[in-house]
Amino acid sequence: MITILRRNGFMRFYRAMKTFPLLRFAHLAFSLLTISVSLSQLAVSKDNYFVYIGTYTQEGSTSKGIYAYRYDSAAGKLTSVGLVAATKNPSFLAVHPNHHFIYAVNEVGDYQGQKSGAVSAFAVDATTGKLKFLNQVASGGADPCYITVDSTGKYVLVANYTGGSIASFPILPDGSLGKASAFVQHSGHGTDPKRQEGPHAHSIDLSPDNRFAIVDDLGLDETLVYKFDSSNGSLTLNDPPFAKANPGAGPRHFAFAPNGKFGYVLDEMGSTISVFSYDNGVLHSQQTISAIPKSFTELSEAAEIAVHPSGKFLYASNRGHDSIAVFAIDQDKGTLSLIEYAPTKGQSPRNFAIDPTGKLLFDANEKSDNIVLFHIDQKTGRLTPTGQVFDISQPVCVKFVPIE
């Protein structure tokens, strides 16, 4: 502010206000106004986001890649940006910590003649929200379905579903991806000969301290823990190496509580949530609870899990029952108690995301081709439809990037 005053020739007037007692009140008012304006500018920047949607572009879909919306969280308003990157089956996305880059898996089984999918890197245009393609690398296994970026912003980590493997890739200075720094092939099978004939790595998430990678393998009924070294991108199996799920449960996705003391595994095939206490790379079983009503006997497969930023509530989506289960979290034990099953107002809720303010939940209904917004009650955790529904073909993933 003083620099601005100098440039505009007001410095002497500013000093005079402090010199004369009668003008001190004006000086104080001037200072408070300056602070108020600065804070209001900061508040505006925190209220505005780009919302990126990963989709399937496969047969039966009209999608062409990654789409985006502008989101004013203060007003709860979304404005379509449209297609921001044309790419094949960008089913899951990850945002770089500096918000300048987005990474997407390309969920395919054949990439350049290899039994592999791909990973694409994009630069974010902070003004338009458009994505500039940087490069694409082989994921190391067929049908990559999950991607994350470590907290240092140095590495991308990927889970290959059909390939049953995981890999990490260095992020180069321009945001593009280098050759794999680590690759781990899982082996074995589960109890279901149709779904668990081999390993199926379904997610890979990093611990709050960035030292461990948590991997759900649906085919093995295991949540594996790897030591992750952010200095070189290596992955080394921990001791103990995994937490075992109930036979046929099919672990799919994982979420940490904000305090890092508890972890939650969503079991796709069993439609259950497994609760663990977490300590330095070790998972200790605490509870297993159903994600659907016991009275529901039709096929339902769990899809996504997330903990509210407050740490008070947990949400899990169910494809078939077409609901989001809402649970209260015991703050001391981490265990869950059911609050409600909220209908998703659409078919097959795949992924969903809670906005950074914790006010709204964005639900991606894959089979009804829409995004449905829900208001989150901050006291009870319950979901109420806002009435806002956005049409988009086969949405799979929702990610937020603040507009700076």
Protein backbone atom coordinates (compact mmCIF):
# COMPACT_ATOMS: atom_id res chain seq x y z
CA MET A 1 0.00 0.00 0.00
CA ILE A 2 2.88 2.41 0.86
CA THR A 3 4.42 1.66 -2.52
CA ILE A 4 1.15 2.61 -4.19
CA LEU A 5 1.03 5.86 -2.22
CA ARG A 6 4.55 6.75 -3.30
CA ARG A 7 3.71 6.12 -6.92
CA ASN A 8 0.70 8.41 -6.71
CA GLY A 9 2.36 11.24 -4.80
CA PHE A 10 0.26 10.81 -1.61
CA MET A 11 3.04 9.87 0.80
CA ARG A 12 3.38 13.36 2.27
CA PHE A 13 -0.35 13.60 2.85
CA TYR A 14 -0.31 10.16 4.51
CA ARG A 15 2.48 11.26 6.90
CA ALA A 16 0.66 14.50 7.65
CA MET A 17 -2.38 12.57 8.79
CA LYS A 18 -0.24 10.81 11.40
CA THR A 19 1.47 14.07 12.49
CA PHE A 20 -1.61 16.09 13.43
CA PRO A 21 -3.72 14.72 16.32
CA LEU A 22 -6.96 15.89 14.75
CA LEU A 23 -6.22 13.76 11.71
CA ARG A 24 -5.28 10.56 13.55
CA PHE A 25 -8.83 9.32 13.36
CA ALA A 26 -8.73 9.74 9.57
CA HIS A 27 -5.44 7.84 9.50
CA LEU A 28 -6.98 4.99 11.49
CA ALA A 29 -10.03 4.89 9.24
CA PHE A 30 -7.79 4.87 6.17
CA SER A 31 -5.80 1.92 7.55
CA LEU A 32 -8.88 -0.06 8.46
CA LEU A 33 -10.34 0.56 5.01
CA THR A 34 -7.13 -0.72 3.42
CA ILE A 35 -7.20 -3.88 5.54
CA SER A 36 -10.89 -4.40 4.79
CA VAL A 37 -10.35 -4.14 1.04
CA SER A 38 -7.42 -6.56 1.17
CA LEU A 39 -9.39 -9.11 3.18
CA SER A 40 -12.39 -8.83 0.88
CA GLN A 41 -10.15 -9.50 -2.12
CA LEU A 42 -8.79 -12.60 -0.42
CA ALA A 43 -12.32 -13.76 0.38
CA VAL A 44 -13.37 -13.39 -3.26
CA SER A 45 -10.44 -15.49 -4.44
CA LYS A 46 -11.41 -18.27 -2.01
CA ASP A 47 -15.00 -18.24 -3.18
CA ASN A 48 -14.31 -19.01 -6.83
CA TYR A 49 -13.29 -22.32 -8.33
CA PHE A 50 -13.07 -24.24 -11.54
CA VAL A 51 -14.84 -27.59 -11.24
CA TYR A 52 -13.33 -30.23 -13.54
CA ILE A 53 -15.28 -33.32 -14.56
CA GLY A 54 -13.61 -36.50 -15.74
CA THR A 55 -15.78 -38.69 -17.98
CA TYR A 56 -15.99 -41.83 -20.05
CA THR A 57 -15.78 -41.21 -23.81
CA GLN A 58 -16.46 -44.85 -24.68
CA GLU A 59 -19.25 -46.21 -26.87
CA GLY A 60 -22.63 -44.95 -25.71
CA SER A 61 -21.21 -41.67 -24.44
CA THR A 62 -21.32 -38.30 -26.16
CA SER A 63 -18.46 -36.98 -24.02
CA LYS A 64 -15.18 -36.00 -25.64
CA GLY A 65 -12.98 -35.64 -22.57
CA ILE A 66 -12.66 -33.30 -19.56
CA TYR A 67 -15.29 -30.63 -18.92
CA ALA A 68 -15.32 -27.66 -16.56
CA TYR A 69 -17.58 -25.21 -14.75
CA ARG A 70 -16.96 -21.95 -12.93
CA TYR A 71 -18.21 -22.23 -9.38
CA ASP A 72 -19.03 -19.28 -7.13
CA SER A 73 -19.29 -20.95 -3.73
CA ALA A 74 -20.65 -17.83 -2.02
CA ALA A 75 -23.61 -17.75 -4.38
CA GLY A 76 -23.72 -21.50 -4.98
CA LYS A 77 -23.75 -20.83 -8.71
CA LEU A 78 -22.21 -22.85 -11.55
CA THR A 79 -21.52 -21.62 -15.07
CA SER A 80 -20.49 -24.01 -17.82
CA VAL A 81 -17.07 -23.58 -19.41
CA GLY A 82 -17.58 -26.59 -21.67
CA LEU A 83 -15.04 -29.05 -23.02
CA VAL A 84 -11.59 -28.03 -21.79
CA ALA A 85 -9.52 -30.99 -22.98
CA ALA A 86 -10.30 -33.66 -25.58
CA THR A 87 -8.82 -36.96 -24.41
CA LYS A 88 -9.91 -40.60 -24.25
CA ASN A 89 -11.63 -41.95 -21.12
CA PRO A 90 -10.22 -39.45 -18.58
CA SER A 91 -12.07 -41.29 -15.82
CA PHE A 92 -10.13 -39.97 -12.85
CA LEU A 93 -8.33 -36.69 -12.26
CA ALA A 94 -5.79 -35.29 -9.81
CA VAL A 95 -4.82 -31.67 -9.15
CA HIS A 96 -1.25 -30.51 -8.53
CA PRO A 97 -0.77 -28.76 -5.14
CA ASN A 98 0.14 -25.50 -6.92
CA HIS A 99 -3.15 -25.71 -8.91
CA HIS A 100 -1.29 -25.10 -12.19
CA PHE A 101 -1.54 -28.67 -13.51
CA ILE A 102 -4.11 -31.44 -13.81
CA TYR A 103 -3.37 -35.12 -14.41
CA ALA A 104 -5.80 -37.66 -15.83
CA VAL A 105 -5.75 -41.40 -16.29
CA ASN A 106 -6.78 -42.60 -19.72
CA GLU A 107 -8.69 -45.75 -18.78
CA VAL A 108 -7.92 -47.97 -21.77
CA GLY A 109 -6.43 -51.43 -22.13
CA ASP A 110 -4.32 -50.88 -25.22
CA TYR A 111 -1.93 -47.94 -25.43
CA GLN A 112 0.45 -47.78 -28.38
CA GLY A 113 0.32 -51.55 -28.77
CA GLN A 114 0.98 -52.22 -25.09
CA LYS A 115 -1.36 -53.84 -22.55
CA SER A 116 -1.44 -50.53 -20.76
CA GLY A 117 -3.47 -47.43 -20.21
CA ALA A 118 -2.04 -43.93 -20.16
CA VAL A 119 -1.59 -40.87 -17.97
CA SER A 120 -2.03 -37.38 -19.43
CA ALA A 121 -0.63 -34.11 -18.10
CA PHE A 122 -2.30 -30.72 -18.63
CA ALA A 123 -1.53 -27.11 -17.72
CA VAL A 124 -4.41 -25.03 -16.33
CA ASP A 125 -5.19 -21.67 -17.91
CA ALA A 126 -6.00 -19.67 -14.78
CA THR A 127 -8.15 -17.22 -16.75
CA THR A 128 -10.28 -19.46 -18.94
CA GLY A 129 -10.03 -22.81 -17.17
CA LYS A 130 -8.99 -24.47 -20.42
CA LEU A 131 -6.39 -27.24 -20.24
CA LYS A 132 -3.25 -27.28 -22.38
CA PHE A 133 -2.01 -30.78 -23.21
CA LEU A 134 1.60 -31.31 -22.06
CA ASN A 135 2.35 -34.99 -22.63
CA GLN A 136 1.15 -38.55 -22.16
CA VAL A 137 2.93 -41.64 -20.81
CA ALA A 138 2.05 -45.33 -20.50
CA SER A 139 0.58 -46.14 -17.08
CA GLY A 140 2.30 -49.54 -16.92
CA GLY A 141 -0.90 -51.58 -16.72
CA ALA A 142 -4.26 -51.89 -18.40
CA ASP A 143 -7.20 -49.67 -17.40
CA PRO A 144 -5.74 -47.18 -14.92
CA CYS A 145 -8.65 -46.03 -12.76
CA TYR A 146 -7.18 -43.79 -10.04
CA ILE A 147 -4.53 -41.09 -9.79
CA THR A 148 -3.12 -38.83 -7.11
CA VAL A 149 -0.31 -36.27 -6.70
CA ASP A 150 1.97 -36.33 -3.67
CA SER A 151 1.97 -33.29 -1.39
CA THR A 152 5.40 -32.13 -2.56
CA GLY A 153 4.10 -31.92 -6.14
CA LYS A 154 6.99 -34.05 -7.37
CA TYR A 155 5.21 -37.30 -8.25
CA VAL A 156 2.02 -38.69 -9.73
CA LEU A 157 0.88 -42.11 -8.48
CA VAL A 158 -1.46 -44.38 -10.45
CA ALA A 159 -3.49 -47.56 -9.83
CA ASN A 160 -4.01 -49.87 -12.82
CA TYR A 161 -7.23 -51.87 -12.37
CA THR A 162 -7.06 -54.63 -14.99
CA GLY A 163 -3.28 -54.62 -14.88
CA GLY A 164 -3.32 -55.13 -11.09
CA SER A 165 -0.38 -52.80 -10.59
CA ILE A 166 0.68 -49.40 -9.27
CA ALA A 167 3.26 -46.91 -10.50
CA SER A 168 4.72 -43.50 -9.75
CA PHE A 169 5.93 -40.90 -12.26
CA PRO A 170 8.13 -37.84 -11.71
CA ILE A 171 6.65 -34.44 -12.48
CA LEU A 172 9.08 -32.40 -14.56
CA PRO A 173 9.58 -28.62 -14.06
CA ASP A 174 7.10 -27.77 -16.84
CA GLY A 175 4.43 -30.03 -15.33
CA SER A 176 4.85 -32.86 -17.82
CA LEU A 177 5.53 -36.44 -16.75
CA GLY A 178 8.77 -38.39 -16.93
CA LYS A 179 9.42 -42.14 -17.06
CA ALA A 180 8.13 -44.24 -14.17
CA SER A 181 10.21 -43.99 -11.00
CA ALA A 182 8.54 -47.05 -9.47
CA PHE A 183 6.35 -49.93 -10.64
CA VAL A 184 4.85 -52.71 -8.52
CA GLN A 185 2.94 -55.68 -9.94
CA HIS A 186 0.47 -57.32 -7.55
CA SER A 187 -0.20 -61.08 -7.68
CA GLY A 188 -2.76 -63.52 -6.31
CA HIS A 189 -6.56 -63.66 -6.34
CA GLY A 190 -9.63 -63.41 -4.15
CA THR A 191 -12.59 -65.70 -3.47
CA ASP A 192 -14.89 -64.56 -6.29
CA PRO A 193 -13.79 -66.29 -9.54
CA LYS A 194 -15.54 -63.69 -11.74
CA ARG A 195 -14.47 -60.45 -10.08
CA GLN A 196 -11.35 -61.56 -8.21
CA GLU A 197 -9.58 -63.85 -10.65
CA GLY A 198 -6.48 -61.70 -10.24
CA PRO A 199 -5.27 -58.47 -8.65
CA HIS A 200 -7.20 -55.27 -9.36
CA ALA A 201 -5.55 -52.19 -7.88
CA HIS A 202 -8.42 -49.72 -7.52
CA SER A 203 -7.01 -46.70 -5.66
CA ILE A 204 -3.81 -45.20 -4.33
CA ASP A 205 -3.80 -42.46 -1.68
CA LEU A 206 -1.04 -40.86 0.34
CA SER A 207 -0.95 -40.50 4.11
CA PRO A 208 -1.16 -36.96 5.54
CA ASP A 209 2.61 -36.98 6.20
CA ASN A 210 3.28 -38.12 2.59
CA ARG A 211 5.32 -41.11 3.81
CA PHE A 212 2.96 -43.95 2.96
CA ALA A 213 0.84 -44.92 -0.05
CA ILE A 214 -2.41 -46.74 0.76
CA VAL A 215 -3.59 -49.04 -2.05
CA ASP A 216 -6.97 -50.79 -2.24
CA ASP A 217 -6.83 -53.96 -4.32
CA LEU A 218 -10.32 -55.24 -5.11
CA GLY A 219 -9.04 -58.54 -6.53
CA LEU A 220 -6.96 -59.46 -3.48
CA ASP A 221 -9.30 -58.25 -0.71
CA GLU A 222 -6.38 -56.28 0.65
CA THR A 223 -5.58 -52.68 1.53
CA LEU A 224 -1.84 -52.59 1.02
CA VAL A 225 0.55 -50.06 2.57
CA TYR A 226 3.73 -48.92 0.81
CA LYS A 227 6.51 -46.71 2.09
CA PHE A 228 6.75 -43.77 -0.27
CA ASP A 229 9.98 -41.79 -0.65
CA SER A 230 9.27 -38.37 -2.15
CA SER A 231 12.98 -37.80 -2.82
CA ASN A 232 13.05 -40.49 -5.52
CA GLY A 233 9.46 -41.66 -6.00
CA SER A 234 10.10 -45.20 -4.76
CA LEU A 235 7.43 -47.54 -3.37
CA THR A 236 8.41 -50.27 -0.88
CA LEU A 237 5.97 -52.62 0.81
CA ASN A 238 5.53 -51.80 4.49
CA ASP A 239 5.70 -54.18 7.46
CA PRO A 240 2.93 -55.23 8.06
CA PRO A 241 2.20 -55.11 4.31
CA PHE A 242 -1.62 -54.94 4.30
CA ALA A 243 -4.94 -55.03 6.12
CA LYS A 244 -7.16 -57.91 5.03
CA ALA A 245 -10.81 -57.35 4.07
CA ASN A 246 -13.63 -59.84 4.54
CA PRO A 247 -13.61 -62.47 1.75
CA GLY A 248 -15.32 -61.11 -1.35
CA ALA A 249 -15.60 -57.56 0.03
CA GLY A 250 -13.56 -56.02 -2.79
CA PRO A 251 -11.82 -52.91 -1.35
CA ARG A 252 -12.22 -49.98 -3.75
CA HIS A 253 -11.49 -46.52 -2.32
CA PHE A 254 -9.88 -45.10 0.83
CA ALA A 255 -10.29 -41.90 2.83
CA PHE A 256 -8.41 -40.46 5.79
CA ALA A 257 -10.02 -38.50 8.59
CA PRO A 258 -8.65 -34.91 8.63
CA ASN A 259 -6.72 -35.64 11.84
CA GLY A 260 -4.95 -38.59 10.19
CA LYS A 261 -5.82 -40.93 13.06
CA PHE A 262 -8.44 -42.97 11.21
CA GLY A 263 -8.80 -44.48 7.74
CA TYR A 264 -11.91 -45.71 5.94
CA VAL A 265 -12.05 -48.37 3.22
CA LEU A 266 -15.08 -48.60 0.95
CA ASP A 267 -15.70 -52.19 -0.15
CA GLU A 268 -17.31 -52.21 -3.61
CA MET A 269 -18.54 -55.78 -3.76
CA GLY A 270 -19.62 -56.08 -0.14
CA SER A 271 -21.14 -52.58 0.01
CA THR A 272 -19.47 -52.10 3.37
CA ILE A 273 -17.17 -49.59 5.04
CA SER A 274 -14.22 -50.84 7.04
CA VAL A 275 -12.98 -48.50 9.78
CA PHE A 276 -9.33 -48.51 10.85
CA SER A 277 -7.24 -46.63 13.35
CA TYR A 278 -4.03 -45.51 11.69
CA ASP A 279 -0.56 -45.21 13.20
CA ASN A 280 2.62 -44.65 11.20
CA GLY A 281 1.69 -46.86 8.25
CA VAL A 282 -0.21 -49.50 10.23
CA LEU A 283 -3.98 -50.04 9.95
CA HIS A 284 -5.86 -51.55 12.92
CA SER A 285 -9.41 -52.80 12.31
CA GLN A 286 -12.11 -51.08 14.38
CA GLN A 287 -15.46 -51.66 12.68
CA THR A 288 -17.23 -52.86 9.54
CA ILE A 289 -20.61 -51.33 8.73
CA SER A 290 -23.02 -51.71 5.80
CA ALA A 291 -23.30 -48.86 3.29
CA ILE A 292 -26.81 -49.95 2.22
CA PRO A 293 -29.96 -50.96 4.11
CA LYS A 294 -30.14 -54.63 5.10
CA SER A 295 -33.58 -54.78 3.49
CA PHE A 296 -32.15 -53.94 0.04
CA THR A 297 -31.55 -57.27 -1.75
CA GLU A 298 -30.86 -56.14 -5.32
CA LEU A 299 -27.37 -55.70 -6.74
CA SER A 300 -25.58 -52.61 -5.45
CA GLU A 301 -21.92 -51.72 -5.69
CA ALA A 302 -20.27 -49.05 -3.57
CA ALA A 303 -18.28 -46.44 -5.48
CA GLU A 304 -16.91 -43.39 -3.61
CA ILE A 305 -16.08 -42.40 -0.05
CA ALA A 306 -15.21 -39.02 1.47
CA VAL A 307 -14.91 -37.43 4.90
CA HIS A 308 -16.34 -33.96 5.45
CA PRO A 309 -13.66 -31.27 6.04
CA SER A 310 -14.99 -30.87 9.60
CA GLY A 311 -14.18 -34.51 10.29
CA LYS A 312 -17.68 -35.04 11.69
CA PHE A 313 -19.32 -36.90 8.81
CA LEU A 314 -18.55 -39.58 6.24
CA TYR A 315 -20.27 -40.10 2.88
CA ALA A 316 -20.36 -43.18 0.64
CA SER A 317 -22.11 -43.65 -2.73
CA ASN A 318 -24.03 -46.76 -3.77
CA ARG A 319 -24.64 -47.79 -7.39
CA GLY A 320 -27.82 -49.85 -7.54
CA HIS A 321 -29.35 -48.55 -4.35
CA ASP A 322 -28.60 -45.14 -5.94
CA SER A 323 -27.94 -43.37 -2.69
CA ILE A 324 -25.30 -41.63 -0.67
CA ALA A 325 -25.01 -43.09 2.81
CA VAL A 326 -24.33 -40.47 5.49
CA PHE A 327 -22.60 -41.41 8.74
CA ALA A 328 -21.60 -39.58 11.92
CA ILE A 329 -17.99 -40.11 13.00
CA ASP A 330 -17.15 -40.74 16.65
CA GLN A 331 -14.38 -38.23 17.23
CA ASP A 332 -12.57 -40.42 19.78
CA LYS A 333 -12.92 -43.86 18.21
CA GLY A 334 -13.40 -43.02 14.52
CA THR A 335 -16.32 -45.44 14.34
CA LEU A 336 -19.47 -44.74 12.31
CA SER A 337 -23.18 -44.50 13.03
CA LEU A 338 -25.79 -44.14 10.29
CA ILE A 339 -27.54 -40.81 9.79
CA GLU A 340 -29.41 -41.41 6.53
CA TYR A 341 -29.46 -42.82 3.00
CA ALA A 342 -29.94 -39.84 0.67
CA PRO A 343 -31.35 -40.64 -2.81
CA THR A 344 -29.02 -39.34 -5.51
CA LYS A 345 -31.74 -38.16 -7.92
CA GLY A 346 -29.93 -40.06 -10.64
CA GLN A 347 -28.64 -43.50 -11.60
CA SER A 348 -25.35 -45.09 -10.62
CA PRO A 349 -23.62 -42.41 -8.51
CA ARG A 350 -19.99 -43.02 -9.41
CA ASN A 351 -17.81 -40.36 -7.85
CA PHE A 352 -18.81 -37.36 -5.76
CA ALA A 353 -16.86 -34.51 -4.19
CA ILE A 354 -17.46 -32.13 -1.31
CA ASP A 355 -16.65 -28.54 -2.24
CA PRO A 356 -13.70 -26.93 -0.36
CA THR A 357 -16.05 -24.88 1.83
CA GLY A 358 -17.89 -28.01 2.99
CA LYS A 359 -21.23 -26.52 1.94
CA LEU A 360 -22.15 -28.57 -1.15
CA LEU A 361 -21.75 -32.12 -2.38
CA PHE A 362 -21.38 -32.63 -6.15
CA ASP A 363 -22.68 -36.07 -7.13
CA ALA A 364 -21.74 -37.57 -10.51
CA ASN A 365 -24.46 -39.96 -11.71
CA GLU A 366 -22.81 -41.94 -14.48
CA LYS A 367 -25.81 -43.74 -15.97
CA SER A 368 -28.25 -40.81 -15.86
CA ASP A 369 -25.62 -38.47 -17.34
CA ASN A 370 -25.81 -35.67 -14.79
CA ILE A 371 -24.24 -33.86 -11.86
CA VAL A 372 -26.62 -33.25 -8.95
CA LEU A 373 -25.82 -30.72 -6.22
CA PHE A 374 -26.75 -31.27 -2.57
CA HIS A 375 -26.64 -28.86 0.36
CA ILE A 376 -24.79 -30.25 3.40
CA ASP A 377 -26.29 -29.43 6.79
CA GLN A 378 -23.27 -28.37 8.85
CA LYS A 379 -24.83 -29.56 12.12
CA THR A 380 -26.37 -32.89 11.09
CA GLY A 381 -24.47 -33.83 7.92
CA ARG A 382 -27.74 -34.51 6.09
CA LEU A 383 -28.04 -33.90 2.36
CA THR A 384 -30.76 -31.84 0.69
CA PRO A 385 -31.00 -31.41 -3.11
CA THR A 386 -30.41 -27.81 -4.14
CA GLY A 387 -32.46 -28.27 -7.31
CA GLN A 388 -29.38 -27.73 -9.49
CA VAL A 389 -28.79 -30.50 -12.02
CA PHE A 390 -26.21 -30.30 -14.81
CA ASP A 391 -26.27 -32.59 -17.84
CA ILE A 392 -23.00 -34.22 -18.82
CA SER A 393 -22.45 -37.59 -20.48
CA GLN A 394 -21.09 -40.37 -18.24
CA PRO A 395 -19.45 -38.24 -15.51
CA VAL A 396 -16.97 -40.15 -13.36
CA CYS A 397 -14.86 -37.73 -11.34
CA VAL A 398 -15.19 -34.23 -9.80
CA LYS A 399 -12.24 -32.02 -8.81
CA PHE A 400 -11.96 -28.39 -7.63
CA VAL A 401 -9.26 -25.86 -8.54
CA PRO A 402 -9.34 -22.40 -6.91
CA ILE A 403 -9.37 -19.47 -9.31
CA GLU A 404 -6.38 -17.36 -8.31
